[in-house]
Amino acid sequence: MVRLADSLSNPGAPLLRLLKALEGAETELECLPELGQDSPVVATEIRENRILSPDEVAELVDAYRRGASMLELSRRYGVHRTTVDEHLKRAGVVKRSQTKMTPDRVTRATELYEQGWSTPRIGRELHVSASAVCKALKRAGVRMRPPVAPR
């Protein structure tokens, strides 16, 4: 007899598939209750790793050197951004600085914020995230307005 429920509180998709396959087997299972609406949310899609060809890696490296961001490349090639990072490391590429909010940008963001611009709008203007703008403004001592509730 196999007792799995005592050792696993939130089974993953592979275990659930195994249990489903074993349901028809002659082994008696005392494991999980019937899965229904109250069951934990389980990922049903398994995404396999995408392996880039040498030509794709060369294109990726070249695109980065021409100015493409790691996020753009990860979307373009269907891989995680850490995969892009690893390909760049293996190719010996010196990565660009991650500092997005330079002193000049903080000054510009402060001016725009004091004119009434929102942090998401400032972020779009400066090509950075709203959270990067917010953090930079707070570090610069800017008094932040209370958030506005969405309509």
N, C-alpha and C. Protein backbone atom coordinates (compact mmCIF):
# COMPACT_ATOMS: atom_id res chain seq x y z
N MET A 1 0.85 -1.18 0.00
CA MET A 1 0.00 0.00 0.00
C MET A 1 0.89 1.24 0.00
N VAL A 2 0.53 2.22 -0.80
CA VAL A 2 1.29 3.46 -0.90
C VAL A 2 0.48 4.57 -0.25
N ARG A 3 1.13 5.30 0.68
CA ARG A 3 0.45 6.42 1.35
C ARG A 3 1.20 7.71 1.01
N LEU A 4 0.63 8.49 0.12
CA LEU A 4 1.29 9.70 -0.31
C LEU A 4 0.72 10.96 0.33
N ALA A 5 -0.54 10.93 0.70
CA ALA A 5 -1.19 12.13 1.23
C ALA A 5 -0.52 12.62 2.50
N ASP A 6 0.01 11.70 3.29
CA ASP A 6 0.65 12.10 4.53
C ASP A 6 1.95 12.86 4.30
N SER A 7 2.61 12.61 3.18
CA SER A 7 3.91 13.23 2.96
C SER A 7 3.87 14.41 2.00
N LEU A 8 2.78 14.57 1.28
CA LEU A 8 2.68 15.67 0.32
C LEU A 8 1.40 16.46 0.52
N SER A 9 1.53 17.74 0.82
CA SER A 9 0.33 18.53 1.05
C SER A 9 -0.16 19.23 -0.21
N ASN A 10 0.73 19.49 -1.15
CA ASN A 10 0.33 20.16 -2.39
C ASN A 10 1.02 19.46 -3.56
N PRO A 11 0.43 18.40 -4.05
CA PRO A 11 1.10 17.61 -5.10
C PRO A 11 1.22 18.38 -6.41
N GLY A 12 2.31 18.15 -7.10
CA GLY A 12 2.53 18.79 -8.39
C GLY A 12 1.91 17.99 -9.51
N ALA A 13 1.94 18.57 -10.70
CA ALA A 13 1.33 17.92 -11.87
C ALA A 13 1.94 16.55 -12.17
N PRO A 14 3.27 16.37 -12.08
CA PRO A 14 3.82 15.05 -12.38
C PRO A 14 3.28 13.97 -11.45
N LEU A 15 3.17 14.28 -10.16
CA LEU A 15 2.64 13.31 -9.21
C LEU A 15 1.17 13.01 -9.51
N LEU A 16 0.42 14.04 -9.84
CA LEU A 16 -1.00 13.83 -10.15
C LEU A 16 -1.17 12.94 -11.38
N ARG A 17 -0.29 13.14 -12.40
CA ARG A 17 -0.35 12.28 -13.58
C ARG A 17 -0.01 10.84 -13.22
N LEU A 18 0.99 10.66 -12.35
CA LEU A 18 1.37 9.32 -11.92
C LEU A 18 0.20 8.65 -11.21
N LEU A 19 -0.42 9.38 -10.31
CA LEU A 19 -1.54 8.81 -9.57
C LEU A 19 -2.69 8.44 -10.49
N LYS A 20 -2.94 9.29 -11.47
CA LYS A 20 -4.01 9.01 -12.43
C LYS A 20 -3.68 7.74 -13.22
N ALA A 21 -2.40 7.60 -13.60
CA ALA A 21 -1.98 6.41 -14.35
C ALA A 21 -2.09 5.16 -13.49
N LEU A 22 -1.82 5.29 -12.20
CA LEU A 22 -1.87 4.15 -11.29
C LEU A 22 -3.29 3.77 -10.88
N GLU A 23 -4.26 4.65 -11.12
CA GLU A 23 -5.64 4.35 -10.73
C GLU A 23 -6.13 3.04 -11.32
N GLY A 24 -5.75 2.78 -12.56
CA GLY A 24 -6.20 1.56 -13.21
C GLY A 24 -5.35 0.35 -12.87
N ALA A 25 -4.21 0.58 -12.20
CA ALA A 25 -3.32 -0.52 -11.86
C ALA A 25 -3.93 -1.37 -10.75
N GLU A 26 -3.36 -2.51 -10.52
CA GLU A 26 -3.89 -3.43 -9.53
C GLU A 26 -3.40 -3.09 -8.12
N THR A 27 -2.55 -2.06 -8.00
CA THR A 27 -2.05 -1.64 -6.70
C THR A 27 -3.10 -0.80 -6.01
N GLU A 28 -3.31 -1.06 -4.73
CA GLU A 28 -4.28 -0.27 -3.99
C GLU A 28 -3.59 1.00 -3.51
N LEU A 29 -4.20 2.13 -3.82
CA LEU A 29 -3.62 3.41 -3.43
C LEU A 29 -4.50 4.10 -2.40
N GLU A 30 -3.90 4.51 -1.33
CA GLU A 30 -4.57 5.36 -0.36
C GLU A 30 -3.77 6.64 -0.34
N CYS A 31 -4.14 7.58 -1.21
CA CYS A 31 -3.27 8.73 -1.29
C CYS A 31 -4.03 10.05 -1.23
N LEU A 32 -4.64 10.43 -2.31
CA LEU A 32 -5.27 11.74 -2.36
C LEU A 32 -6.77 11.60 -2.54
N PRO A 33 -7.52 12.54 -2.01
CA PRO A 33 -8.94 12.52 -2.26
C PRO A 33 -9.20 12.82 -3.73
N GLU A 34 -10.40 12.59 -4.18
CA GLU A 34 -10.75 12.91 -5.56
C GLU A 34 -10.47 14.39 -5.81
N LEU A 35 -9.90 14.68 -6.95
CA LEU A 35 -9.59 16.06 -7.28
C LEU A 35 -10.84 16.71 -7.87
N GLY A 36 -11.22 17.82 -7.29
CA GLY A 36 -12.39 18.54 -7.77
C GLY A 36 -12.13 20.03 -7.73
N GLN A 37 -13.20 20.79 -7.61
CA GLN A 37 -13.10 22.24 -7.59
C GLN A 37 -12.27 22.75 -6.41
N ASP A 38 -12.29 22.03 -5.28
CA ASP A 38 -11.58 22.49 -4.09
C ASP A 38 -10.12 22.09 -4.09
N SER A 39 -9.66 21.42 -5.13
CA SER A 39 -8.27 20.96 -5.20
C SER A 39 -7.35 22.14 -5.39
N PRO A 40 -6.09 22.01 -4.96
CA PRO A 40 -5.14 23.11 -5.16
C PRO A 40 -4.91 23.34 -6.64
N VAL A 41 -4.57 24.56 -6.97
CA VAL A 41 -4.28 24.90 -8.36
C VAL A 41 -2.96 24.24 -8.74
N VAL A 42 -2.98 23.51 -9.84
CA VAL A 42 -1.79 22.80 -10.28
C VAL A 42 -1.52 23.22 -11.71
N ALA A 43 -0.28 23.53 -12.00
CA ALA A 43 0.10 23.90 -13.36
C ALA A 43 -0.12 22.70 -14.27
N THR A 44 -0.83 22.93 -15.35
CA THR A 44 -1.12 21.83 -16.26
C THR A 44 -0.22 21.86 -17.49
N GLU A 45 0.46 22.98 -17.70
CA GLU A 45 1.32 23.10 -18.87
C GLU A 45 2.78 22.93 -18.44
N ILE A 46 3.48 22.08 -19.14
CA ILE A 46 4.90 21.90 -18.87
C ILE A 46 5.64 22.50 -20.05
N ARG A 47 6.46 23.50 -19.75
CA ARG A 47 7.19 24.19 -20.81
C ARG A 47 8.60 23.62 -20.87
N GLU A 48 8.93 23.08 -22.01
CA GLU A 48 10.26 22.50 -22.17
C GLU A 48 11.28 23.59 -22.44
N ASN A 49 12.52 23.34 -22.04
CA ASN A 49 13.59 24.29 -22.29
C ASN A 49 13.80 24.45 -23.78
N ARG A 50 14.00 25.66 -24.19
CA ARG A 50 14.28 25.95 -25.59
C ARG A 50 15.79 26.03 -25.74
N ILE A 51 16.33 25.21 -26.60
CA ILE A 51 17.77 25.20 -26.83
C ILE A 51 18.05 25.95 -28.12
N LEU A 52 18.85 26.99 -28.02
CA LEU A 52 19.16 27.81 -29.19
C LEU A 52 20.27 27.15 -30.01
N SER A 53 20.13 27.26 -31.31
CA SER A 53 21.17 26.76 -32.20
C SER A 53 22.36 27.71 -32.13
N PRO A 54 23.53 27.25 -32.57
CA PRO A 54 24.70 28.15 -32.58
C PRO A 54 24.45 29.43 -33.39
N ASP A 55 23.70 29.32 -34.49
CA ASP A 55 23.39 30.51 -35.28
C ASP A 55 22.51 31.48 -34.50
N GLU A 56 21.53 30.94 -33.76
CA GLU A 56 20.65 31.79 -32.96
C GLU A 56 21.44 32.48 -31.84
N VAL A 57 22.36 31.74 -31.23
CA VAL A 57 23.18 32.34 -30.17
C VAL A 57 24.02 33.48 -30.76
N ALA A 58 24.58 33.26 -31.94
CA ALA A 58 25.38 34.31 -32.59
C ALA A 58 24.52 35.53 -32.90
N GLU A 59 23.29 35.30 -33.36
CA GLU A 59 22.36 36.41 -33.63
C GLU A 59 22.02 37.15 -32.34
N LEU A 60 21.76 36.38 -31.27
CA LEU A 60 21.42 36.95 -29.98
C LEU A 60 22.56 37.86 -29.49
N VAL A 61 23.78 37.36 -29.55
CA VAL A 61 24.95 38.13 -29.10
C VAL A 61 25.09 39.39 -29.94
N ASP A 62 24.93 39.26 -31.24
CA ASP A 62 25.06 40.41 -32.14
C ASP A 62 23.97 41.45 -31.84
N ALA A 63 22.74 40.99 -31.62
CA ALA A 63 21.64 41.91 -31.32
C ALA A 63 21.88 42.65 -30.01
N TYR A 64 22.43 41.94 -29.01
CA TYR A 64 22.75 42.60 -27.73
C TYR A 64 23.82 43.67 -27.95
N ARG A 65 24.82 43.34 -28.72
CA ARG A 65 25.91 44.30 -28.98
C ARG A 65 25.40 45.52 -29.74
N ARG A 66 24.32 45.33 -30.54
CA ARG A 66 23.74 46.45 -31.28
C ARG A 66 22.73 47.24 -30.44
N GLY A 67 22.49 46.81 -29.18
CA GLY A 67 21.66 47.62 -28.29
C GLY A 67 20.38 46.98 -27.79
N ALA A 68 20.06 45.77 -28.24
CA ALA A 68 18.84 45.12 -27.76
C ALA A 68 18.98 44.79 -26.27
N SER A 69 17.89 44.90 -25.54
CA SER A 69 17.95 44.58 -24.10
C SER A 69 17.85 43.07 -23.89
N MET A 70 18.25 42.63 -22.72
CA MET A 70 18.16 41.21 -22.40
C MET A 70 16.70 40.76 -22.39
N LEU A 71 15.80 41.62 -21.91
CA LEU A 71 14.38 41.29 -21.89
C LEU A 71 13.83 41.15 -23.31
N GLU A 72 14.20 42.07 -24.19
CA GLU A 72 13.78 41.96 -25.60
C GLU A 72 14.25 40.64 -26.21
N LEU A 73 15.51 40.31 -25.95
CA LEU A 73 16.08 39.09 -26.52
C LEU A 73 15.41 37.84 -25.95
N SER A 74 15.09 37.87 -24.66
CA SER A 74 14.45 36.70 -24.06
C SER A 74 13.08 36.48 -24.70
N ARG A 75 12.37 37.56 -24.98
CA ARG A 75 11.06 37.43 -25.64
C ARG A 75 11.22 36.98 -27.09
N ARG A 76 12.19 37.57 -27.79
CA ARG A 76 12.38 37.26 -29.21
C ARG A 76 12.75 35.79 -29.42
N TYR A 77 13.59 35.25 -28.54
CA TYR A 77 14.06 33.88 -28.73
C TYR A 77 13.31 32.85 -27.89
N GLY A 78 12.35 33.30 -27.10
CA GLY A 78 11.53 32.38 -26.32
C GLY A 78 12.29 31.66 -25.22
N VAL A 79 13.23 32.38 -24.59
CA VAL A 79 14.00 31.80 -23.49
C VAL A 79 13.93 32.75 -22.30
N HIS A 80 14.32 32.27 -21.14
CA HIS A 80 14.33 33.10 -19.93
C HIS A 80 15.47 34.09 -20.01
N ARG A 81 15.32 35.24 -19.34
CA ARG A 81 16.38 36.26 -19.39
C ARG A 81 17.70 35.76 -18.79
N THR A 82 17.64 34.82 -17.84
CA THR A 82 18.89 34.28 -17.31
C THR A 82 19.59 33.42 -18.36
N THR A 83 18.82 32.82 -19.25
CA THR A 83 19.41 32.05 -20.35
C THR A 83 20.15 33.00 -21.29
N VAL A 84 19.53 34.14 -21.58
CA VAL A 84 20.20 35.16 -22.41
C VAL A 84 21.49 35.57 -21.73
N ASP A 85 21.42 35.83 -20.43
CA ASP A 85 22.60 36.23 -19.66
C ASP A 85 23.71 35.19 -19.75
N GLU A 86 23.36 33.91 -19.62
CA GLU A 86 24.37 32.84 -19.70
C GLU A 86 25.01 32.78 -21.09
N HIS A 87 24.20 32.94 -22.15
CA HIS A 87 24.76 32.93 -23.51
C HIS A 87 25.74 34.09 -23.68
N LEU A 88 25.38 35.25 -23.14
CA LEU A 88 26.27 36.41 -23.25
C LEU A 88 27.57 36.19 -22.48
N LYS A 89 27.47 35.59 -21.30
CA LYS A 89 28.67 35.30 -20.50
C LYS A 89 29.58 34.34 -21.26
N ARG A 90 28.99 33.26 -21.81
CA ARG A 90 29.80 32.28 -22.54
C ARG A 90 30.47 32.89 -23.76
N ALA A 91 29.82 33.90 -24.36
CA ALA A 91 30.38 34.55 -25.54
C ALA A 91 31.40 35.63 -25.16
N GLY A 92 31.58 35.85 -23.85
CA GLY A 92 32.55 36.83 -23.39
C GLY A 92 32.09 38.28 -23.57
N VAL A 93 30.79 38.49 -23.67
CA VAL A 93 30.25 39.84 -23.87
C VAL A 93 30.28 40.60 -22.55
N VAL A 94 30.77 41.81 -22.60
CA VAL A 94 30.73 42.69 -21.43
C VAL A 94 29.35 43.33 -21.44
N LYS A 95 28.60 43.05 -20.37
CA LYS A 95 27.23 43.54 -20.33
C LYS A 95 27.18 45.01 -19.95
N ARG A 96 26.13 45.66 -20.47
CA ARG A 96 25.92 47.07 -20.17
C ARG A 96 25.51 47.24 -18.72
N SER A 97 25.78 48.42 -18.19
CA SER A 97 25.41 48.74 -16.82
C SER A 97 23.90 48.67 -16.65
N GLN A 98 23.47 48.20 -15.50
CA GLN A 98 22.05 48.09 -15.21
C GLN A 98 21.50 49.35 -14.56
N THR A 99 22.36 50.36 -14.32
CA THR A 99 21.91 51.59 -13.71
C THR A 99 21.04 52.33 -14.71
N LYS A 100 19.77 52.42 -14.40
CA LYS A 100 18.86 53.07 -15.33
C LYS A 100 18.52 54.47 -14.90
N MET A 101 18.53 54.73 -13.60
CA MET A 101 18.17 56.05 -13.10
C MET A 101 19.44 56.83 -12.76
N THR A 102 20.02 57.42 -13.78
CA THR A 102 21.21 58.25 -13.60
C THR A 102 20.80 59.53 -12.88
N PRO A 103 21.74 60.28 -12.34
CA PRO A 103 21.39 61.55 -11.69
C PRO A 103 20.58 62.48 -12.59
N ASP A 104 20.94 62.55 -13.88
CA ASP A 104 20.19 63.39 -14.82
C ASP A 104 18.74 62.91 -14.95
N ARG A 105 18.57 61.60 -15.02
CA ARG A 105 17.22 61.06 -15.13
C ARG A 105 16.42 61.30 -13.85
N VAL A 106 17.07 61.21 -12.70
CA VAL A 106 16.37 61.47 -11.44
C VAL A 106 15.92 62.93 -11.39
N THR A 107 16.77 63.84 -11.85
CA THR A 107 16.41 65.26 -11.90
C THR A 107 15.22 65.47 -12.82
N ARG A 108 15.26 64.85 -13.99
CA ARG A 108 14.15 64.96 -14.96
C ARG A 108 12.88 64.35 -14.38
N ALA A 109 13.00 63.18 -13.75
CA ALA A 109 11.84 62.52 -13.15
C ALA A 109 11.23 63.39 -12.05
N THR A 110 12.09 64.02 -11.25
CA THR A 110 11.60 64.90 -10.18
C THR A 110 10.81 66.06 -10.76
N GLU A 111 11.35 66.67 -11.82
CA GLU A 111 10.66 67.79 -12.47
C GLU A 111 9.29 67.35 -12.98
N LEU A 112 9.25 66.21 -13.67
CA LEU A 112 7.99 65.72 -14.23
C LEU A 112 7.00 65.36 -13.13
N TYR A 113 7.49 64.75 -12.07
CA TYR A 113 6.61 64.35 -10.97
C TYR A 113 6.01 65.59 -10.31
N GLU A 114 6.82 66.63 -10.14
CA GLU A 114 6.32 67.87 -9.53
C GLU A 114 5.35 68.60 -10.45
N GLN A 115 5.40 68.29 -11.76
CA GLN A 115 4.42 68.86 -12.70
C GLN A 115 3.11 68.07 -12.70
N GLY A 116 3.09 66.97 -11.92
CA GLY A 116 1.86 66.19 -11.82
C GLY A 116 1.85 64.88 -12.59
N TRP A 117 2.96 64.54 -13.24
CA TRP A 117 3.02 63.29 -13.98
C TRP A 117 2.99 62.11 -13.01
N SER A 118 2.43 61.00 -13.44
CA SER A 118 2.43 59.77 -12.64
C SER A 118 3.75 59.04 -12.84
N THR A 119 4.07 58.15 -11.91
CA THR A 119 5.32 57.39 -12.06
C THR A 119 5.28 56.46 -13.29
N PRO A 120 4.14 55.82 -13.63
CA PRO A 120 4.14 55.02 -14.86
C PRO A 120 4.38 55.87 -16.11
N ARG A 121 3.80 57.07 -16.14
CA ARG A 121 4.00 57.95 -17.30
C ARG A 121 5.46 58.39 -17.38
N ILE A 122 6.05 58.74 -16.24
CA ILE A 122 7.46 59.12 -16.22
C ILE A 122 8.32 57.94 -16.68
N GLY A 123 7.99 56.74 -16.21
CA GLY A 123 8.72 55.55 -16.62
C GLY A 123 8.70 55.34 -18.12
N ARG A 124 7.52 55.53 -18.72
CA ARG A 124 7.42 55.39 -20.18
C ARG A 124 8.29 56.44 -20.88
N GLU A 125 8.28 57.65 -20.35
CA GLU A 125 9.07 58.73 -20.92
C GLU A 125 10.57 58.43 -20.84
N LEU A 126 11.01 57.87 -19.71
CA LEU A 126 12.44 57.62 -19.49
C LEU A 126 12.86 56.19 -19.85
N HIS A 127 11.91 55.37 -20.31
CA HIS A 127 12.17 53.98 -20.70
C HIS A 127 12.67 53.14 -19.53
N VAL A 128 12.03 53.32 -18.38
CA VAL A 128 12.30 52.51 -17.19
C VAL A 128 10.96 52.14 -16.58
N SER A 129 10.97 51.24 -15.59
CA SER A 129 9.73 50.84 -14.95
C SER A 129 9.24 51.92 -13.99
N ALA A 130 7.95 51.91 -13.73
CA ALA A 130 7.36 52.85 -12.77
C ALA A 130 7.97 52.65 -11.38
N SER A 131 8.25 51.39 -11.03
CA SER A 131 8.83 51.13 -9.70
C SER A 131 10.24 51.71 -9.60
N ALA A 132 11.01 51.68 -10.70
CA ALA A 132 12.35 52.27 -10.69
C ALA A 132 12.25 53.78 -10.48
N VAL A 133 11.26 54.40 -11.12
CA VAL A 133 11.04 55.84 -10.94
C VAL A 133 10.68 56.13 -9.49
N CYS A 134 9.74 55.38 -8.96
CA CYS A 134 9.27 55.59 -7.59
C CYS A 134 10.42 55.45 -6.59
N LYS A 135 11.20 54.40 -6.73
CA LYS A 135 12.33 54.18 -5.81
C LYS A 135 13.35 55.32 -5.91
N ALA A 136 13.64 55.75 -7.13
CA ALA A 136 14.62 56.82 -7.32
C ALA A 136 14.11 58.13 -6.71
N LEU A 137 12.84 58.42 -6.89
CA LEU A 137 12.28 59.65 -6.34
C LEU A 137 12.32 59.62 -4.81
N LYS A 138 11.97 58.47 -4.24
CA LYS A 138 12.01 58.35 -2.77
C LYS A 138 13.43 58.52 -2.25
N ARG A 139 14.41 57.90 -2.93
CA ARG A 139 15.81 58.04 -2.52
C ARG A 139 16.28 59.48 -2.61
N ALA A 140 15.70 60.22 -3.58
CA ALA A 140 16.08 61.62 -3.77
C ALA A 140 15.36 62.54 -2.79
N GLY A 141 14.50 61.97 -1.94
CA GLY A 141 13.81 62.77 -0.93
C GLY A 141 12.54 63.45 -1.41
N VAL A 142 12.04 63.04 -2.55
CA VAL A 142 10.80 63.62 -3.08
C VAL A 142 9.62 63.11 -2.26
N ARG A 143 8.75 64.03 -1.84
CA ARG A 143 7.56 63.64 -1.08
C ARG A 143 6.54 63.08 -2.08
N MET A 144 6.16 61.83 -1.89
CA MET A 144 5.29 61.14 -2.83
C MET A 144 3.82 61.45 -2.52
N ARG A 145 3.04 61.58 -3.60
CA ARG A 145 1.60 61.77 -3.47
C ARG A 145 0.96 60.44 -3.10
N PRO A 146 -0.21 60.48 -2.44
CA PRO A 146 -0.90 59.22 -2.19
C PRO A 146 -1.35 58.60 -3.50
N PRO A 147 -1.37 57.27 -3.58
CA PRO A 147 -1.77 56.63 -4.85
C PRO A 147 -3.23 56.93 -5.16
N VAL A 148 -3.53 56.98 -6.44
CA VAL A 148 -4.90 57.22 -6.90
C VAL A 148 -5.53 55.88 -7.22
N ALA A 149 -6.74 55.67 -6.70
CA ALA A 149 -7.44 54.41 -6.95
C ALA A 149 -7.87 54.34 -8.41
N PRO A 150 -7.71 53.17 -9.06
CA PRO A 150 -8.15 53.02 -10.46
C PRO A 150 -9.67 53.15 -10.56
N ARG A 151 -10.12 53.68 -11.66
CA ARG A 151 -11.56 53.89 -11.87
C ARG A 151 -12.21 52.69 -12.48
